[in-house]
N, C-alpha and C. Protein backbone atom coordinates (compact mmCIF):
# COMPACT_ATOMS: atom_id res chain seq x y z
N UNK A 1 11.12 -10.82 13.25
CA UNK A 1 10.57 -10.16 14.40
C UNK A 1 9.05 -10.34 14.37
N UNK A 2 8.49 -10.87 15.42
CA UNK A 2 7.06 -11.07 15.52
C UNK A 2 6.41 -9.83 16.13
N UNK A 3 5.15 -9.60 15.77
CA UNK A 3 4.40 -8.50 16.35
C UNK A 3 2.93 -8.86 16.43
N UNK A 4 2.21 -8.11 17.26
CA UNK A 4 0.76 -8.27 17.38
C UNK A 4 0.17 -6.98 17.91
N UNK A 5 -0.89 -6.51 17.26
CA UNK A 5 -1.63 -5.33 17.71
C UNK A 5 -3.12 -5.67 17.64
N UNK A 6 -3.87 -5.14 18.59
CA UNK A 6 -5.31 -5.40 18.62
C UNK A 6 -6.06 -4.10 18.80
N UNK A 7 -7.25 -4.03 18.19
CA UNK A 7 -8.11 -2.86 18.29
C UNK A 7 -9.54 -3.31 18.54
N UNK A 8 -10.24 -2.58 19.38
CA UNK A 8 -11.62 -2.88 19.71
C UNK A 8 -12.53 -1.89 18.98
N UNK A 9 -13.63 -2.41 18.42
CA UNK A 9 -14.58 -1.58 17.70
C UNK A 9 -15.97 -1.78 18.27
N UNK A 10 -16.72 -0.69 18.33
CA UNK A 10 -18.08 -0.72 18.84
C UNK A 10 -19.01 -1.19 17.73
N UNK A 11 -18.86 -2.45 17.36
CA UNK A 11 -19.62 -3.06 16.26
C UNK A 11 -19.48 -4.57 16.40
N UNK A 12 -20.27 -5.29 15.62
CA UNK A 12 -20.14 -6.75 15.63
C UNK A 12 -18.96 -7.15 14.73
N UNK A 13 -18.51 -8.37 14.89
CA UNK A 13 -17.42 -8.87 14.04
C UNK A 13 -17.85 -8.86 12.58
N UNK A 14 -19.11 -9.19 12.31
CA UNK A 14 -19.61 -9.18 10.93
C UNK A 14 -19.58 -7.78 10.33
N UNK A 15 -19.94 -6.77 11.14
CA UNK A 15 -19.91 -5.38 10.64
C UNK A 15 -18.48 -4.94 10.34
N UNK A 16 -17.54 -5.33 11.19
CA UNK A 16 -16.13 -4.99 10.95
C UNK A 16 -15.65 -5.70 9.69
N UNK A 17 -15.98 -6.98 9.55
CA UNK A 17 -15.58 -7.73 8.36
C UNK A 17 -16.15 -7.09 7.10
N UNK A 18 -17.44 -6.73 7.14
CA UNK A 18 -18.07 -6.10 5.97
C UNK A 18 -17.38 -4.79 5.60
N UNK A 19 -17.02 -4.01 6.61
CA UNK A 19 -16.33 -2.74 6.33
C UNK A 19 -14.97 -2.99 5.70
N UNK A 20 -14.23 -3.96 6.23
CA UNK A 20 -12.91 -4.26 5.67
C UNK A 20 -12.99 -4.81 4.25
N UNK A 21 -14.11 -5.42 3.91
CA UNK A 21 -14.32 -5.94 2.55
C UNK A 21 -14.89 -4.89 1.60
N UNK A 22 -15.31 -3.76 2.14
CA UNK A 22 -15.91 -2.71 1.34
C UNK A 22 -14.82 -1.99 0.54
N UNK A 23 -14.93 -2.06 -0.78
CA UNK A 23 -13.91 -1.44 -1.63
C UNK A 23 -13.86 0.07 -1.45
N UNK A 24 -15.00 0.68 -1.11
CA UNK A 24 -15.01 2.12 -0.82
C UNK A 24 -14.16 2.44 0.40
N UNK A 25 -14.26 1.59 1.43
CA UNK A 25 -13.41 1.80 2.61
C UNK A 25 -11.95 1.62 2.23
N UNK A 26 -11.64 0.57 1.50
CA UNK A 26 -10.26 0.33 1.08
C UNK A 26 -9.70 1.51 0.28
N UNK A 27 -10.51 2.05 -0.63
CA UNK A 27 -10.07 3.20 -1.42
C UNK A 27 -9.83 4.43 -0.55
N UNK A 28 -10.55 4.54 0.57
CA UNK A 28 -10.40 5.69 1.47
C UNK A 28 -9.06 5.67 2.22
N UNK A 29 -8.35 4.56 2.14
CA UNK A 29 -7.08 4.41 2.87
C UNK A 29 -5.87 4.79 2.00
N UNK A 30 -6.08 5.53 0.93
CA UNK A 30 -5.02 5.84 -0.03
C UNK A 30 -3.85 6.61 0.58
N UNK A 31 -4.07 7.30 1.69
CA UNK A 31 -3.00 8.09 2.31
C UNK A 31 -2.73 7.62 3.74
N UNK A 32 -2.79 6.34 3.94
CA UNK A 32 -2.66 5.75 5.26
C UNK A 32 -1.24 5.86 5.80
N UNK A 33 -1.11 6.34 7.03
CA UNK A 33 0.19 6.39 7.69
C UNK A 33 1.25 7.08 6.86
N UNK A 34 2.40 6.46 6.76
CA UNK A 34 3.52 7.05 6.02
C UNK A 34 3.57 6.55 4.57
N UNK A 35 2.45 6.03 4.08
CA UNK A 35 2.42 5.54 2.71
C UNK A 35 2.20 6.70 1.74
N UNK A 36 3.03 6.74 0.74
CA UNK A 36 2.86 7.71 -0.34
C UNK A 36 1.77 7.23 -1.30
N UNK A 37 1.72 5.91 -1.47
CA UNK A 37 0.73 5.29 -2.35
C UNK A 37 0.15 4.08 -1.64
N UNK A 38 -1.16 3.96 -1.66
CA UNK A 38 -1.86 2.74 -1.23
C UNK A 38 -3.03 2.58 -2.19
N UNK A 39 -2.90 1.63 -3.07
CA UNK A 39 -3.88 1.47 -4.14
C UNK A 39 -4.44 0.05 -4.16
N UNK A 40 -5.75 -0.04 -4.08
CA UNK A 40 -6.41 -1.34 -4.21
C UNK A 40 -6.32 -1.76 -5.67
N UNK A 41 -5.58 -2.82 -5.94
CA UNK A 41 -5.42 -3.30 -7.31
C UNK A 41 -6.58 -4.19 -7.74
N UNK A 42 -6.97 -5.09 -6.84
CA UNK A 42 -8.07 -5.99 -7.16
C UNK A 42 -8.61 -6.63 -5.88
N UNK A 43 -9.87 -7.02 -5.96
CA UNK A 43 -10.49 -7.77 -4.88
C UNK A 43 -11.51 -8.69 -5.53
N UNK A 44 -11.27 -9.99 -5.43
CA UNK A 44 -12.11 -10.96 -6.13
C UNK A 44 -12.58 -12.06 -5.20
N UNK A 45 -13.88 -12.32 -5.25
CA UNK A 45 -14.39 -13.48 -4.52
C UNK A 45 -14.12 -14.71 -5.37
N UNK A 46 -13.58 -15.74 -4.73
CA UNK A 46 -13.23 -16.96 -5.45
C UNK A 46 -14.31 -18.02 -5.26
N UNK A 47 -14.23 -19.07 -6.05
CA UNK A 47 -15.25 -20.13 -6.05
C UNK A 47 -15.44 -20.76 -4.68
N UNK A 48 -14.38 -20.82 -3.87
CA UNK A 48 -14.48 -21.45 -2.56
C UNK A 48 -15.02 -20.51 -1.48
N UNK A 49 -15.42 -19.29 -1.86
CA UNK A 49 -15.98 -18.34 -0.91
C UNK A 49 -14.96 -17.40 -0.29
N UNK A 50 -13.68 -17.67 -0.50
CA UNK A 50 -12.64 -16.77 0.01
C UNK A 50 -12.55 -15.55 -0.92
N UNK A 51 -11.91 -14.51 -0.44
CA UNK A 51 -11.71 -13.29 -1.22
C UNK A 51 -10.22 -13.02 -1.30
N UNK A 52 -9.72 -12.81 -2.50
CA UNK A 52 -8.31 -12.45 -2.71
C UNK A 52 -8.25 -10.96 -3.01
N UNK A 53 -7.48 -10.24 -2.18
CA UNK A 53 -7.29 -8.81 -2.38
C UNK A 53 -5.80 -8.53 -2.60
N UNK A 54 -5.51 -7.68 -3.59
CA UNK A 54 -4.14 -7.25 -3.88
C UNK A 54 -4.09 -5.73 -3.75
N UNK A 55 -3.18 -5.26 -2.92
CA UNK A 55 -3.01 -3.83 -2.66
C UNK A 55 -1.56 -3.46 -2.87
N UNK A 56 -1.31 -2.38 -3.62
CA UNK A 56 0.05 -1.91 -3.85
C UNK A 56 0.33 -0.73 -2.92
N UNK A 57 1.50 -0.77 -2.27
CA UNK A 57 1.90 0.28 -1.34
C UNK A 57 3.31 0.76 -1.68
N UNK A 58 3.51 2.06 -1.50
CA UNK A 58 4.84 2.66 -1.64
C UNK A 58 5.05 3.51 -0.40
N UNK A 59 6.14 3.25 0.30
CA UNK A 59 6.46 4.00 1.51
C UNK A 59 6.93 5.39 1.14
N UNK A 60 6.39 6.40 1.79
CA UNK A 60 6.69 7.79 1.46
C UNK A 60 7.79 8.40 2.29
N UNK A 61 8.84 7.66 2.55
CA UNK A 61 9.98 8.20 3.30
C UNK A 61 11.24 8.02 2.48
N UNK A 62 12.18 8.90 2.69
CA UNK A 62 13.46 8.78 2.01
C UNK A 62 14.34 7.82 2.81
N UNK A 63 14.78 6.77 2.16
CA UNK A 63 15.61 5.76 2.81
C UNK A 63 17.07 6.23 2.76
N UNK A 64 17.73 6.14 3.91
CA UNK A 64 19.13 6.56 3.99
C UNK A 64 19.95 5.49 4.68
N UNK A 65 21.22 5.73 4.79
CA UNK A 65 22.11 4.85 5.53
C UNK A 65 22.25 3.48 4.91
N UNK A 66 22.33 2.48 5.79
CA UNK A 66 22.57 1.10 5.35
C UNK A 66 21.47 0.58 4.44
N UNK A 67 20.21 0.97 4.71
CA UNK A 67 19.10 0.48 3.89
C UNK A 67 19.24 0.96 2.45
N UNK A 68 19.80 2.15 2.27
CA UNK A 68 19.95 2.69 0.91
C UNK A 68 20.93 1.85 0.09
N UNK A 69 21.88 1.22 0.75
CA UNK A 69 22.83 0.35 0.03
C UNK A 69 22.10 -0.80 -0.65
N UNK A 70 21.03 -1.27 -0.04
CA UNK A 70 20.30 -2.41 -0.58
C UNK A 70 19.15 -2.00 -1.49
N UNK A 71 18.58 -0.82 -1.26
CA UNK A 71 17.43 -0.38 -2.04
C UNK A 71 17.81 0.56 -3.17
N UNK A 72 18.98 1.18 -3.07
CA UNK A 72 19.36 2.17 -4.07
C UNK A 72 18.50 3.41 -3.90
N UNK A 73 18.16 4.05 -5.00
CA UNK A 73 17.35 5.27 -4.95
C UNK A 73 15.85 4.99 -4.99
N UNK A 74 15.47 3.73 -5.03
CA UNK A 74 14.06 3.39 -5.11
C UNK A 74 13.41 3.43 -3.74
N UNK A 75 12.16 3.83 -3.71
CA UNK A 75 11.40 3.82 -2.46
C UNK A 75 10.89 2.40 -2.22
N UNK A 76 10.83 1.99 -0.97
CA UNK A 76 10.27 0.66 -0.67
C UNK A 76 8.84 0.56 -1.20
N UNK A 77 8.59 -0.46 -2.00
CA UNK A 77 7.26 -0.69 -2.57
C UNK A 77 6.97 -2.18 -2.54
N UNK A 78 5.68 -2.50 -2.39
CA UNK A 78 5.30 -3.90 -2.30
C UNK A 78 3.84 -4.09 -2.70
N UNK A 79 3.51 -5.33 -2.97
CA UNK A 79 2.12 -5.75 -3.16
C UNK A 79 1.76 -6.60 -1.94
N UNK A 80 0.65 -6.26 -1.30
CA UNK A 80 0.14 -7.10 -0.23
C UNK A 80 -0.94 -7.98 -0.84
N UNK A 81 -0.75 -9.29 -0.72
CA UNK A 81 -1.79 -10.24 -1.11
C UNK A 81 -2.43 -10.75 0.16
N UNK A 82 -3.74 -10.60 0.24
CA UNK A 82 -4.47 -11.03 1.43
C UNK A 82 -5.66 -11.89 1.01
N UNK A 83 -5.88 -12.95 1.75
CA UNK A 83 -7.00 -13.86 1.48
C UNK A 83 -7.93 -13.85 2.70
N UNK A 84 -9.20 -13.50 2.45
CA UNK A 84 -10.22 -13.50 3.49
C UNK A 84 -10.88 -14.88 3.52
N UNK A 85 -10.90 -15.46 4.71
CA UNK A 85 -11.55 -16.74 4.95
C UNK A 85 -12.77 -16.47 5.82
N UNK A 86 -13.97 -16.37 5.21
CA UNK A 86 -15.15 -15.94 5.97
C UNK A 86 -15.52 -16.88 7.12
N UNK A 87 -15.33 -18.16 6.96
CA UNK A 87 -15.68 -19.10 8.03
C UNK A 87 -14.81 -18.89 9.27
N UNK A 88 -13.55 -18.57 9.06
CA UNK A 88 -12.62 -18.35 10.17
C UNK A 88 -12.59 -16.90 10.62
N UNK A 89 -13.25 -16.00 9.85
CA UNK A 89 -13.21 -14.55 10.13
C UNK A 89 -11.75 -14.09 10.22
N UNK A 90 -10.98 -14.45 9.19
CA UNK A 90 -9.55 -14.16 9.23
C UNK A 90 -9.02 -13.85 7.82
N UNK A 91 -8.14 -12.84 7.79
CA UNK A 91 -7.32 -12.55 6.60
C UNK A 91 -5.96 -13.19 6.82
N UNK A 92 -5.39 -13.76 5.79
CA UNK A 92 -3.99 -14.20 5.80
C UNK A 92 -3.29 -13.33 4.76
N UNK A 93 -2.23 -12.64 5.16
CA UNK A 93 -1.57 -11.72 4.23
C UNK A 93 -0.09 -12.05 4.06
N UNK A 94 0.40 -11.69 2.88
CA UNK A 94 1.80 -11.88 2.52
C UNK A 94 2.25 -10.63 1.76
N UNK A 95 3.45 -10.17 2.07
CA UNK A 95 4.03 -9.03 1.37
C UNK A 95 4.93 -9.54 0.25
N UNK A 96 4.73 -8.99 -0.95
CA UNK A 96 5.55 -9.32 -2.12
C UNK A 96 6.32 -8.07 -2.49
N UNK A 97 7.58 -7.95 -2.04
CA UNK A 97 8.35 -6.73 -2.30
C UNK A 97 8.61 -6.52 -3.79
N UNK A 98 8.55 -5.26 -4.21
CA UNK A 98 8.90 -4.90 -5.58
C UNK A 98 10.38 -4.51 -5.67
N UNK A 99 10.96 -4.14 -4.54
CA UNK A 99 12.35 -3.71 -4.46
C UNK A 99 13.06 -4.65 -3.49
N UNK A 100 14.28 -5.05 -3.81
CA UNK A 100 15.07 -5.95 -2.95
C UNK A 100 14.25 -7.18 -2.56
N UNK A 101 13.70 -7.84 -3.56
CA UNK A 101 12.74 -8.92 -3.36
C UNK A 101 13.23 -10.06 -2.48
N UNK A 102 14.50 -10.38 -2.54
CA UNK A 102 15.02 -11.53 -1.79
C UNK A 102 15.38 -11.19 -0.34
N UNK A 103 15.23 -9.93 0.05
CA UNK A 103 15.69 -9.51 1.37
C UNK A 103 14.60 -9.44 2.43
N UNK A 104 13.34 -9.51 2.02
CA UNK A 104 12.25 -9.33 2.97
C UNK A 104 11.25 -10.48 2.88
N UNK A 105 10.87 -10.99 4.05
CA UNK A 105 9.79 -11.96 4.16
C UNK A 105 8.86 -11.42 5.25
N UNK A 106 7.63 -11.10 4.87
CA UNK A 106 6.66 -10.58 5.84
C UNK A 106 5.31 -11.22 5.56
N UNK A 107 4.68 -11.72 6.61
CA UNK A 107 3.39 -12.39 6.48
C UNK A 107 2.69 -12.40 7.82
N UNK A 108 1.39 -12.63 7.77
CA UNK A 108 0.66 -12.68 9.03
C UNK A 108 -0.82 -12.89 8.82
N UNK A 109 -1.59 -12.55 9.86
CA UNK A 109 -3.04 -12.73 9.85
C UNK A 109 -3.72 -11.52 10.47
N UNK A 110 -4.97 -11.35 10.10
CA UNK A 110 -5.84 -10.37 10.74
C UNK A 110 -7.11 -11.13 11.09
N UNK A 111 -7.37 -11.27 12.38
CA UNK A 111 -8.56 -12.00 12.81
C UNK A 111 -9.55 -11.05 13.45
N UNK A 112 -10.81 -11.39 13.33
CA UNK A 112 -11.89 -10.57 13.90
C UNK A 112 -12.75 -11.48 14.77
N UNK A 113 -12.94 -11.07 16.02
CA UNK A 113 -13.73 -11.87 16.97
C UNK A 113 -14.72 -10.98 17.69
N UNK A 114 -15.88 -11.54 18.01
CA UNK A 114 -16.82 -10.84 18.89
C UNK A 114 -16.33 -10.98 20.32
N UNK A 115 -16.46 -9.90 21.07
CA UNK A 115 -16.08 -9.90 22.49
C UNK A 115 -17.20 -9.19 23.25
N UNK A 116 -18.26 -9.89 23.50
CA UNK A 116 -19.40 -9.25 24.14
C UNK A 116 -20.10 -8.31 23.17
N UNK A 117 -20.06 -7.02 23.45
CA UNK A 117 -20.74 -6.04 22.60
C UNK A 117 -19.78 -5.36 21.63
N UNK A 118 -18.57 -5.81 21.56
CA UNK A 118 -17.58 -5.20 20.67
C UNK A 118 -16.93 -6.27 19.82
N UNK A 119 -16.20 -5.80 18.82
CA UNK A 119 -15.39 -6.70 17.99
C UNK A 119 -13.93 -6.36 18.22
N UNK A 120 -13.11 -7.38 18.24
CA UNK A 120 -11.66 -7.20 18.39
C UNK A 120 -11.00 -7.63 17.09
N UNK A 121 -10.22 -6.72 16.51
CA UNK A 121 -9.42 -7.05 15.32
C UNK A 121 -7.98 -7.19 15.80
N UNK A 122 -7.39 -8.36 15.55
CA UNK A 122 -6.01 -8.62 15.96
C UNK A 122 -5.16 -8.84 14.71
N UNK A 123 -4.12 -8.04 14.60
CA UNK A 123 -3.16 -8.17 13.50
C UNK A 123 -1.90 -8.79 14.09
N UNK A 124 -1.50 -9.93 13.55
CA UNK A 124 -0.29 -10.60 14.03
C UNK A 124 0.55 -10.97 12.82
N UNK A 125 1.84 -10.89 12.98
CA UNK A 125 2.68 -11.24 11.85
C UNK A 125 4.14 -11.39 12.23
N UNK A 126 4.91 -11.66 11.22
CA UNK A 126 6.35 -11.76 11.38
C UNK A 126 7.03 -11.07 10.21
N UNK A 127 8.11 -10.39 10.51
CA UNK A 127 8.90 -9.68 9.51
C UNK A 127 10.33 -10.17 9.63
N UNK A 128 10.89 -10.60 8.54
CA UNK A 128 12.29 -11.06 8.52
C UNK A 128 13.02 -10.34 7.41
N UNK A 129 14.09 -9.64 7.78
CA UNK A 129 14.93 -8.94 6.81
C UNK A 129 16.27 -9.67 6.77
N UNK A 130 16.63 -10.11 5.58
CA UNK A 130 17.83 -10.92 5.41
C UNK A 130 19.02 -10.06 5.01
N UNK A 131 19.44 -9.21 5.95
CA UNK A 131 20.59 -8.33 5.74
C UNK A 131 21.50 -8.48 6.95
N UNK A 132 22.75 -8.88 6.74
CA UNK A 132 23.67 -9.04 7.87
C UNK A 132 23.84 -7.73 8.65
N UNK A 133 23.96 -7.83 9.93
CA UNK A 133 24.20 -6.74 10.87
C UNK A 133 23.03 -5.79 11.04
N UNK A 134 22.39 -5.38 9.97
CA UNK A 134 21.34 -4.37 10.03
C UNK A 134 19.93 -4.96 10.00
N UNK A 135 19.81 -6.26 9.77
CA UNK A 135 18.50 -6.88 9.59
C UNK A 135 17.54 -6.62 10.73
N UNK A 136 17.98 -6.80 11.97
CA UNK A 136 17.06 -6.62 13.10
C UNK A 136 16.65 -5.16 13.26
N UNK A 137 17.54 -4.23 12.94
CA UNK A 137 17.19 -2.81 13.02
C UNK A 137 16.13 -2.46 11.97
N UNK A 138 16.31 -2.99 10.78
CA UNK A 138 15.34 -2.73 9.71
C UNK A 138 14.01 -3.41 10.04
N UNK A 139 14.05 -4.61 10.60
CA UNK A 139 12.82 -5.29 11.02
C UNK A 139 12.05 -4.43 12.02
N UNK A 140 12.75 -3.88 13.00
CA UNK A 140 12.09 -3.04 14.01
C UNK A 140 11.47 -1.82 13.36
N UNK A 141 12.15 -1.22 12.39
CA UNK A 141 11.64 -0.06 11.67
C UNK A 141 10.37 -0.42 10.90
N UNK A 142 10.39 -1.57 10.22
CA UNK A 142 9.23 -2.02 9.45
C UNK A 142 8.05 -2.33 10.38
N UNK A 143 8.31 -3.04 11.47
CA UNK A 143 7.24 -3.38 12.41
C UNK A 143 6.63 -2.11 12.99
N UNK A 144 7.46 -1.14 13.34
CA UNK A 144 6.94 0.14 13.85
C UNK A 144 6.02 0.78 12.82
N UNK A 145 6.42 0.76 11.55
CA UNK A 145 5.59 1.32 10.49
C UNK A 145 4.28 0.57 10.31
N UNK A 146 4.34 -0.75 10.38
CA UNK A 146 3.12 -1.57 10.26
C UNK A 146 2.16 -1.25 11.40
N UNK A 147 2.68 -1.22 12.61
CA UNK A 147 1.83 -0.93 13.77
C UNK A 147 1.21 0.45 13.67
N UNK A 148 1.98 1.44 13.25
CA UNK A 148 1.46 2.80 13.10
C UNK A 148 0.37 2.85 12.02
N UNK A 149 0.58 2.14 10.91
CA UNK A 149 -0.41 2.13 9.84
C UNK A 149 -1.71 1.49 10.33
N UNK A 150 -1.62 0.41 11.09
CA UNK A 150 -2.84 -0.23 11.59
C UNK A 150 -3.53 0.61 12.66
N UNK A 151 -2.78 1.40 13.42
CA UNK A 151 -3.40 2.35 14.36
C UNK A 151 -4.21 3.38 13.59
N UNK A 152 -3.62 3.93 12.53
CA UNK A 152 -4.30 4.91 11.68
C UNK A 152 -5.52 4.28 11.04
N UNK A 153 -5.37 3.06 10.51
CA UNK A 153 -6.50 2.37 9.89
C UNK A 153 -7.61 2.12 10.90
N UNK A 154 -7.26 1.78 12.13
CA UNK A 154 -8.27 1.52 13.17
C UNK A 154 -9.10 2.78 13.43
N UNK A 155 -8.45 3.93 13.48
CA UNK A 155 -9.18 5.18 13.68
C UNK A 155 -10.16 5.42 12.53
N UNK A 156 -9.71 5.19 11.31
CA UNK A 156 -10.57 5.40 10.15
C UNK A 156 -11.70 4.37 10.11
N UNK A 157 -11.40 3.14 10.50
CA UNK A 157 -12.41 2.10 10.52
C UNK A 157 -13.49 2.43 11.54
N UNK A 158 -13.09 2.91 12.72
CA UNK A 158 -14.08 3.29 13.73
C UNK A 158 -14.99 4.40 13.21
N UNK A 159 -14.42 5.38 12.50
CA UNK A 159 -15.22 6.45 11.90
C UNK A 159 -16.16 5.88 10.83
N UNK A 160 -15.66 4.97 10.01
CA UNK A 160 -16.46 4.38 8.94
C UNK A 160 -17.65 3.63 9.53
N UNK A 161 -17.41 2.91 10.62
CA UNK A 161 -18.46 2.12 11.24
C UNK A 161 -19.55 2.99 11.88
N UNK A 162 -19.21 4.22 12.22
CA UNK A 162 -20.18 5.15 12.83
C UNK A 162 -21.13 5.75 11.80
N UNK A 163 -20.78 5.65 10.52
CA UNK A 163 -21.62 6.27 9.46
C UNK A 163 -22.96 5.58 9.34
């Protein structure tokens, strides 16, 4: 299932990029959306100028029904690996599930563009759940959660940029 969400910020694209790269801002997102855990594991600038960030997330909801058959009693948890490409003003991200690793493929991009006096951050991605019959329902649930988390993050980012 493909998705795309965009948010406008009263700042330049460079200011938005700097805020997203700020480890203090990343640490402030520890209770984002329905996440029980959101922990910045590492953020390293590489020799080619890109930045590799690893963030661990645990969903803070009790999984029931068909999803519980595949996850057991464990909460959905994953590592997000994201690479910042400063020349393109774009993050490329991939989800590495810690639970039911072979059942989920999620990846996408976060791009930042100037639009006159504002910056537009666009999050686009695809989520594929490899579970017969229930896969599309679970994909919709995951996409809804991703979109809600980025809405919450956008509100916090706007506040951060006002400081």
